[in-house]
Amino acid sequence: MQKVGILGGTFDPVHIGHLIIAENAREQAGLDRVIFIPAYIPPHKTEIPVSAAEHRYRMVQLAIEDNPSLEVSDIELRRSEVSYSVETVERLKQINPEAEYYFVIGTDSLMELHTWREPEKLIQMCEFIVVDRPEHNFEQIKKSDLGLSKKAKQKLLKHVVLSNPVGISATDIRHRVAQGRSIKYLVPEEVEQYIKGHNLYQSNCNQEQEKNRS
């Protein structure tokens, strides 16, 4: 049975931090592959504008094209509506019922998981890989009930991946582009060229005095 990781996000743009998280999760959890799944509209960020789906999808393609263990899926983009993880995992299991799915989640999103659509059902449907980020105290997180049942919490915290600290934010990247500053080494070179070639993030600096959506 194949072990398949799921890494969701807006990826606006995808950056080196995302790639490191995917590779660490793949290596430490023994995954066969990791699928990047760009969201059409994340349910918790419906008021925040995001770049066109085709741009975000193409940037992920460019970022991972030299790594055969990483893939990108347009499963949420094709629906053209708010993306709910529980529905995405259901569709993936229908497409490939033989695979064992591992949902990759950072400790920041972990604290909000109880607010997602049907979180306990989602936890039952797949394994979770929790990426322990340095800005969060994981020992404190373990002491919290996370707003979930004891059984769900135990399964949720079964696989923990220690992630190297990478202080990269998609919000910061967008601001840098809008200000004419360099984003070299923050994103793969192919993504940097794509952003320049399509004039992305040139005029939205003032609109983005907003919450992070990295």
Protein backbone atom coordinates (compact mmCIF):
# COMPACT_ATOMS: atom_id res chain seq x y z
CA MET A 1 0.00 0.00 0.00
CA GLN A 2 1.35 3.40 -0.99
CA LYS A 3 1.78 6.03 1.71
CA VAL A 4 0.76 9.38 0.26
CA GLY A 5 1.19 12.75 1.91
CA ILE A 6 -1.26 15.62 1.38
CA LEU A 7 0.03 19.19 1.70
CA GLY A 8 -2.64 21.84 1.20
CA GLY A 9 -2.42 25.61 1.08
CA THR A 10 -2.91 28.65 -1.10
CA PHE A 11 0.72 28.55 -2.29
CA ASP A 12 0.63 32.22 -3.25
CA PRO A 13 3.46 31.76 -4.00
CA VAL A 14 4.90 28.36 -3.18
CA HIS A 15 8.29 28.88 -1.50
CA ILE A 16 11.32 27.03 -0.20
CA GLY A 17 9.72 26.55 3.21
CA HIS A 18 6.87 24.56 1.66
CA LEU A 19 9.34 22.33 -0.16
CA ILE A 20 11.36 21.68 2.99
CA ILE A 21 8.20 20.74 4.92
CA ALA A 22 7.15 18.32 2.15
CA GLU A 23 10.58 16.70 1.94
CA ASN A 24 10.97 16.39 5.71
CA ALA A 25 7.52 14.81 6.00
CA ARG A 26 8.23 12.41 3.14
CA GLU A 27 11.57 11.34 4.56
CA GLN A 28 10.71 11.11 8.25
CA ALA A 29 7.32 9.40 7.79
CA GLY A 30 8.51 7.12 4.98
CA LEU A 31 6.01 8.44 2.44
CA ASP A 32 6.13 7.30 -1.17
CA ARG A 33 5.06 10.71 -2.42
CA VAL A 34 3.60 14.03 -1.32
CA ILE A 35 0.81 15.77 -3.22
CA PHE A 36 0.59 19.57 -3.12
CA ILE A 37 -3.06 20.62 -3.27
CA PRO A 38 -3.62 24.34 -3.92
CA ALA A 39 -6.94 25.53 -2.49
CA TYR A 40 -9.39 27.41 -4.69
CA ILE A 41 -10.73 29.40 -1.74
CA PRO A 42 -9.56 28.37 1.75
CA PRO A 43 -12.61 28.37 4.07
CA HIS A 44 -10.82 30.36 6.79
CA LYS A 45 -9.51 32.98 4.34
CA THR A 46 -12.56 33.78 2.22
CA GLU A 47 -12.13 37.55 2.65
CA ILE A 48 -8.49 37.56 1.53
CA PRO A 49 -7.83 37.89 -2.22
CA VAL A 50 -5.58 35.26 -3.77
CA SER A 51 -3.87 35.06 -7.13
CA ALA A 52 -5.57 33.26 -10.01
CA ALA A 53 -5.67 29.49 -9.62
CA GLU A 54 -3.72 28.85 -12.83
CA HIS A 55 -0.79 30.94 -11.59
CA ARG A 56 -0.61 29.23 -8.20
CA TYR A 57 -0.91 25.78 -9.76
CA ARG A 58 1.77 26.50 -12.35
CA MET A 59 4.19 27.86 -9.74
CA VAL A 60 3.89 24.63 -7.75
CA GLN A 61 4.49 22.62 -10.93
CA LEU A 62 7.68 24.57 -11.58
CA ALA A 63 8.85 24.28 -7.97
CA ILE A 64 8.61 20.49 -7.81
CA GLU A 65 9.39 19.41 -11.37
CA ASP A 66 12.86 18.09 -10.46
CA ASN A 67 11.59 15.93 -7.58
CA PRO A 68 9.69 12.78 -8.69
CA SER A 69 8.44 12.23 -5.13
CA LEU A 70 6.42 15.45 -5.20
CA GLU A 71 3.23 16.02 -7.18
CA VAL A 72 0.57 18.71 -7.56
CA SER A 73 -3.17 18.14 -7.92
CA ASP A 74 -5.88 20.51 -9.15
CA ILE A 75 -8.59 18.53 -7.35
CA GLU A 76 -9.71 21.58 -5.36
CA LEU A 77 -9.12 24.15 -8.10
CA ARG A 78 -11.43 22.29 -10.50
CA ARG A 79 -14.35 22.66 -8.09
CA SER A 80 -14.10 26.48 -8.18
CA GLU A 81 -15.56 26.86 -4.69
CA VAL A 82 -14.54 26.92 -1.05
CA SER A 83 -12.20 23.99 -0.33
CA TYR A 84 -12.87 21.72 2.65
CA SER A 85 -10.18 19.20 3.54
CA VAL A 86 -12.63 16.50 4.61
CA GLU A 87 -14.26 16.57 1.15
CA THR A 88 -10.88 16.55 -0.60
CA VAL A 89 -9.69 13.48 1.32
CA GLU A 90 -12.99 11.73 0.56
CA ARG A 91 -12.48 12.33 -3.17
CA LEU A 92 -8.84 11.19 -3.04
CA LYS A 93 -9.86 7.96 -1.32
CA GLN A 94 -12.49 7.36 -3.99
CA ILE A 95 -9.91 7.92 -6.73
CA ASN A 96 -7.29 5.69 -5.11
CA PRO A 97 -8.80 3.57 -2.31
CA GLU A 98 -5.65 1.50 -2.02
CA ALA A 99 -3.49 4.41 -0.82
CA GLU A 100 -2.92 5.31 2.82
CA TYR A 101 -3.18 9.08 3.14
CA TYR A 102 -1.21 11.28 5.53
CA PHE A 103 -2.42 14.85 6.00
CA VAL A 104 0.50 17.22 6.65
CA ILE A 105 -0.40 20.04 9.03
CA GLY A 106 1.64 22.68 10.86
CA THR A 107 1.24 23.34 14.56
CA ASP A 108 -0.32 26.73 13.72
CA SER A 109 -3.17 25.06 11.79
CA LEU A 110 -3.33 22.27 14.37
CA MET A 111 -4.63 24.72 16.96
CA GLU A 112 -7.47 25.69 14.60
CA LEU A 113 -8.34 22.19 13.41
CA HIS A 114 -11.38 21.92 15.70
CA THR A 115 -12.96 24.81 13.73
CA TRP A 116 -12.63 22.99 10.38
CA ARG A 117 -15.55 21.18 8.77
CA GLU A 118 -16.06 17.77 10.43
CA PRO A 119 -12.59 17.59 12.01
CA GLU A 120 -13.18 14.28 13.79
CA LYS A 121 -14.34 12.65 10.56
CA LEU A 122 -11.23 13.98 8.81
CA ILE A 123 -9.01 12.53 11.54
CA GLN A 124 -10.72 9.13 11.18
CA MET A 125 -10.22 9.11 7.40
CA CYS A 126 -6.44 9.54 7.31
CA GLU A 127 -3.28 9.70 9.34
CA PHE A 128 -1.85 13.10 10.26
CA ILE A 129 1.72 14.33 10.17
CA VAL A 130 2.14 17.29 12.51
CA VAL A 131 5.01 19.61 11.57
CA ASP A 132 6.46 21.03 14.77
CA ARG A 133 7.39 24.61 13.99
CA PRO A 134 9.86 26.41 16.26
CA GLU A 135 7.55 29.36 16.93
CA HIS A 136 5.07 27.07 18.71
CA ASN A 137 5.59 25.25 22.00
CA PHE A 138 4.64 21.70 21.08
CA GLU A 139 4.86 20.49 24.69
CA GLN A 140 2.19 23.03 25.61
CA ILE A 141 0.10 22.02 22.60
CA LYS A 142 0.17 18.39 23.77
CA LYS A 143 -1.31 19.45 27.11
CA SER A 144 -4.29 21.08 25.37
CA ASP A 145 -7.37 19.04 24.42
CA LEU A 146 -7.30 20.89 21.05
CA GLY A 147 -11.09 21.02 21.17
CA LEU A 148 -11.24 17.36 20.10
CA SER A 149 -12.11 14.02 21.65
CA LYS A 150 -9.32 12.18 23.45
CA LYS A 151 -9.28 9.43 20.79
CA ALA A 152 -9.02 11.96 17.95
CA LYS A 153 -6.23 13.86 19.69
CA GLN A 154 -4.20 10.68 20.25
CA LYS A 155 -4.41 9.75 16.58
CA LEU A 156 -3.70 13.30 15.51
CA LEU A 157 -0.42 13.49 17.44
CA LYS A 158 0.86 10.02 16.50
CA HIS A 159 3.26 11.29 13.82
CA VAL A 160 5.29 14.42 14.58
CA VAL A 161 7.93 15.76 12.20
CA LEU A 162 10.55 18.18 13.42
CA SER A 163 10.94 20.89 10.79
CA ASN A 164 14.07 22.98 10.43
CA PRO A 165 13.30 26.63 11.18
CA VAL A 166 12.75 28.46 7.90
CA GLY A 167 11.57 32.02 8.37
CA ILE A 168 9.89 32.41 4.99
CA SER A 169 6.43 33.87 4.55
CA ALA A 170 4.39 34.09 1.35
CA THR A 171 3.06 37.43 2.60
CA ASP A 172 6.61 38.76 2.93
CA ILE A 173 7.47 37.48 -0.55
CA ARG A 174 4.49 39.30 -2.07
CA HIS A 175 5.44 42.50 -0.27
CA ARG A 176 9.04 42.21 -1.44
CA VAL A 177 7.94 41.85 -5.05
CA ALA A 178 5.59 44.82 -4.75
CA GLN A 179 8.46 46.89 -3.32
CA GLY A 180 10.91 45.82 -6.02
CA ARG A 181 13.06 43.84 -3.59
CA SER A 182 14.80 40.53 -4.25
CA ILE A 183 13.13 37.18 -3.52
CA LYS A 184 16.14 35.14 -4.61
CA TYR A 185 16.65 32.03 -2.44
CA LEU A 186 13.14 32.42 -0.96
CA VAL A 187 11.51 30.65 -3.89
CA PRO A 188 12.91 28.29 -6.54
CA GLU A 189 14.51 30.15 -9.44
CA GLU A 190 11.80 28.94 -11.85
CA VAL A 191 9.11 30.40 -9.58
CA GLU A 192 10.99 33.68 -9.31
CA GLN A 193 11.11 33.92 -13.11
CA TYR A 194 7.42 33.04 -13.41
CA ILE A 195 6.48 35.79 -10.95
CA LYS A 196 8.52 38.31 -12.94
CA GLY A 197 7.27 37.09 -16.30
CA HIS A 198 3.61 37.39 -15.28
CA ASN A 199 4.00 40.58 -13.21
CA LEU A 200 2.51 38.93 -10.14
CA TYR A 201 2.22 40.84 -6.87
CA GLN A 202 3.17 44.15 -8.48
CA SER A 203 0.19 46.22 -7.39
CA ASN A 204 -1.26 44.55 -4.33
CA CYS A 205 1.13 45.68 -1.61
CA ASN A 206 -1.39 48.14 -0.16
CA GLN A 207 -4.15 45.52 -0.21
CA GLU A 208 -2.03 43.16 1.83
CA GLN A 209 -1.71 44.83 5.14
CA GLU A 210 -3.44 41.64 6.22
CA LYS A 211 -3.12 38.36 7.98
CA ASN A 212 -0.47 35.91 6.82
CA ARG A 213 -1.59 33.39 4.25
CA SER A 214 1.74 31.59 3.80
